[in-house]
Amino acid sequence: MSTGLPLWEVFIRGRRGLSHQHVGSVHASDAEMALRNARDLYTRRGEGVSIWVVPAASVCASSPDEKEPFFDPAGDKVYRHPTFYRVPDGVKNL
């Protein structure tokens, strides 16, 4: 069902120290209305300490079908793996 209003993606942080998680979408004419709609729809039981709304048209994501070619280039960068570095003797914490 299309309302004619822009679609906004909603992210909620459950409590301090946690990451924002995508919880769904709302239709709204502007960001303030999207925030209010998201609050009313996704935080009815008091869950959440922070809400982000992002225009759905602004979201850019990789496709699961492209997983191999998209993530493979990182495999040949050995310096990104901790096994590349030698930990000096006597070092307890890095």
C-alpha atoms as a PDB file:
ATOM      1  CA  MET A   1       0.000   0.000   0.000  1.00  0.00           C
ATOM      2  CA  SER A   2       1.492   3.313  -1.062  1.00  0.00           C
ATOM      3  CA  THR A   3       0.554   6.460   0.838  1.00  0.00           C
ATOM      4  CA  GLY A   4       2.351   8.846  -1.493  1.00  0.00           C
ATOM      5  CA  LEU A   5       4.574   9.930   1.417  1.00  0.00           C
ATOM      6  CA  PRO A   6       8.313   9.192   1.429  1.00  0.00           C
ATOM      7  CA  LEU A   7       9.471   5.986   3.112  1.00  0.00           C
ATOM      8  CA  TRP A   8      11.831   6.265   6.121  1.00  0.00           C
ATOM      9  CA  GLU A   9      13.892   3.452   7.647  1.00  0.00           C
ATOM     10  CA  VAL A  10      13.787   3.295  11.454  1.00  0.00           C
ATOM     11  CA  PHE A  11      16.678   2.342  13.754  1.00  0.00           C
ATOM     12  CA  ILE A  12      16.274   2.089  17.540  1.00  0.00           C
ATOM     13  CA  ARG A  13      18.876   1.779  20.284  1.00  0.00           C
ATOM     14  CA  GLY A  14      17.412  -0.344  23.060  1.00  0.00           C
ATOM     15  CA  ARG A  15      19.550   1.085  25.847  1.00  0.00           C
ATOM     16  CA  ARG A  16      22.769   3.002  26.328  1.00  0.00           C
ATOM     17  CA  GLY A  17      25.860   1.184  25.130  1.00  0.00           C
ATOM     18  CA  LEU A  18      24.028  -0.860  22.496  1.00  0.00           C
ATOM     19  CA  SER A  19      24.038  -0.295  18.751  1.00  0.00           C
ATOM     20  CA  HIS A  20      21.046   1.005  16.852  1.00  0.00           C
ATOM     21  CA  GLN A  21      19.101  -1.832  15.203  1.00  0.00           C
ATOM     22  CA  HIS A  22      16.846  -1.608  12.158  1.00  0.00           C
ATOM     23  CA  VAL A  23      13.274  -2.234  13.294  1.00  0.00           C
ATOM     24  CA  GLY A  24      11.189  -1.302  10.274  1.00  0.00           C
ATOM     25  CA  SER A  25       9.895   1.530   8.130  1.00  0.00           C
ATOM     26  CA  VAL A  26       7.390   4.381   8.313  1.00  0.00           C
ATOM     27  CA  HIS A  27       5.874   6.790   5.814  1.00  0.00           C
ATOM     28  CA  ALA A  28       6.144  10.494   6.655  1.00  0.00           C
ATOM     29  CA  SER A  29       6.327  13.857   4.940  1.00  0.00           C
ATOM     30  CA  ASP A  30       9.467  14.981   6.808  1.00  0.00           C
ATOM     31  CA  ALA A  31      12.058  13.854   9.356  1.00  0.00           C
ATOM     32  CA  GLU A  32      10.203  15.200  12.398  1.00  0.00           C
ATOM     33  CA  MET A  33       7.008  13.403  11.412  1.00  0.00           C
ATOM     34  CA  ALA A  34       9.038  10.229  10.720  1.00  0.00           C
ATOM     35  CA  LEU A  35      10.520  10.423  14.243  1.00  0.00           C
ATOM     36  CA  ARG A  36       7.092  10.812  15.819  1.00  0.00           C
ATOM     37  CA  ASN A  37       5.591   8.004  13.733  1.00  0.00           C
ATOM     38  CA  ALA A  38       8.545   5.737  14.575  1.00  0.00           C
ATOM     39  CA  ARG A  39       8.197   6.514  18.278  1.00  0.00           C
ATOM     40  CA  ASP A  40       4.464   5.784  18.236  1.00  0.00           C
ATOM     41  CA  LEU A  41       4.831   2.590  16.223  1.00  0.00           C
ATOM     42  CA  TYR A  42       8.024   1.002  17.537  1.00  0.00           C
ATOM     43  CA  THR A  43       8.379   2.145  21.165  1.00  0.00           C
ATOM     44  CA  ARG A  44       4.916   1.558  22.608  1.00  0.00           C
ATOM     45  CA  ARG A  45       6.231  -0.343  25.636  1.00  0.00           C
ATOM     46  CA  GLY A  46       8.965   2.119  26.545  1.00  0.00           C
ATOM     47  CA  GLU A  47      11.761   0.263  24.768  1.00  0.00           C
ATOM     48  CA  GLY A  48      14.444   2.426  23.264  1.00  0.00           C
ATOM     49  CA  VAL A  49      16.547   5.387  24.299  1.00  0.00           C
ATOM     50  CA  SER A  50      17.311   6.727  20.816  1.00  0.00           C
ATOM     51  CA  ILE A  51      15.652   6.646  17.401  1.00  0.00           C
ATOM     52  CA  TRP A  52      17.229   7.296  14.022  1.00  0.00           C
ATOM     53  CA  VAL A  53      15.151   7.801  10.876  1.00  0.00           C
ATOM     54  CA  VAL A  54      16.777   7.789   7.443  1.00  0.00           C
ATOM     55  CA  PRO A  55      15.110   8.384   4.082  1.00  0.00           C
ATOM     56  CA  ALA A  56      14.894   4.952   2.456  1.00  0.00           C
ATOM     57  CA  ALA A  57      16.077   6.501  -0.816  1.00  0.00           C
ATOM     58  CA  SER A  58      19.359   7.453   0.923  1.00  0.00           C
ATOM     59  CA  VAL A  59      20.207   3.935   2.055  1.00  0.00           C
ATOM     60  CA  CYS A  60      22.843   2.200  -0.023  1.00  0.00           C
ATOM     61  CA  ALA A  61      23.529  -1.473   0.707  1.00  0.00           C
ATOM     62  CA  SER A  62      25.437  -4.379  -0.738  1.00  0.00           C
ATOM     63  CA  SER A  63      23.522  -7.357  -2.075  1.00  0.00           C
ATOM     64  CA  PRO A  64      23.821 -10.787  -0.412  1.00  0.00           C
ATOM     65  CA  ASP A  65      24.166 -12.219  -3.937  1.00  0.00           C
ATOM     66  CA  GLU A  66      27.383 -10.211  -4.366  1.00  0.00           C
ATOM     67  CA  LYS A  67      28.930 -11.372  -1.081  1.00  0.00           C
ATOM     68  CA  GLU A  68      31.925 -13.182  -2.564  1.00  0.00           C
ATOM     69  CA  PRO A  69      33.163 -10.511  -5.005  1.00  0.00           C
ATOM     70  CA  PHE A  70      32.346  -7.673  -2.597  1.00  0.00           C
ATOM     71  CA  PHE A  71      34.142  -9.040   0.488  1.00  0.00           C
ATOM     72  CA  ASP A  72      36.896 -11.174  -1.105  1.00  0.00           C
ATOM     73  CA  PRO A  73      39.381  -8.309  -1.667  1.00  0.00           C
ATOM     74  CA  ALA A  74      39.906  -8.027   2.117  1.00  0.00           C
ATOM     75  CA  GLY A  75      41.217 -11.606   2.287  1.00  0.00           C
ATOM     76  CA  ASP A  76      44.547 -10.750   0.667  1.00  0.00           C
ATOM     77  CA  LYS A  77      45.375  -7.963   3.125  1.00  0.00           C
ATOM     78  CA  VAL A  78      47.298  -9.965   5.725  1.00  0.00           C
ATOM     79  CA  TYR A  79      48.168  -6.848   7.701  1.00  0.00           C
ATOM     80  CA  ARG A  80      44.517  -6.675   8.792  1.00  0.00           C
ATOM     81  CA  HIS A  81      44.811  -9.965  10.636  1.00  0.00           C
ATOM     82  CA  PRO A  82      46.381 -10.002  14.104  1.00  0.00           C
ATOM     83  CA  THR A  83      48.417 -13.089  13.156  1.00  0.00           C
ATOM     84  CA  PHE A  84      50.584 -10.855  10.961  1.00  0.00           C
ATOM     85  CA  TYR A  85      52.083  -9.084  13.962  1.00  0.00           C
ATOM     86  CA  ARG A  86      54.577 -10.589  16.374  1.00  0.00           C
ATOM     87  CA  VAL A  87      53.787  -9.812  20.009  1.00  0.00           C
ATOM     88  CA  PRO A  88      56.993  -9.083  21.906  1.00  0.00           C
ATOM     89  CA  ASP A  89      57.773 -11.266  24.896  1.00  0.00           C
ATOM     90  CA  GLY A  90      56.653  -9.775  28.175  1.00  0.00           C
ATOM     91  CA  VAL A  91      53.697  -7.852  26.695  1.00  0.00           C
ATOM     92  CA  LYS A  92      50.606  -8.808  28.686  1.00  0.00           C
ATOM     93  CA  ASN A  93      47.957  -6.528  27.146  1.00  0.00           C
ATOM     94  CA  LEU A  94      47.716  -4.681  23.863  1.00  0.00           C
END
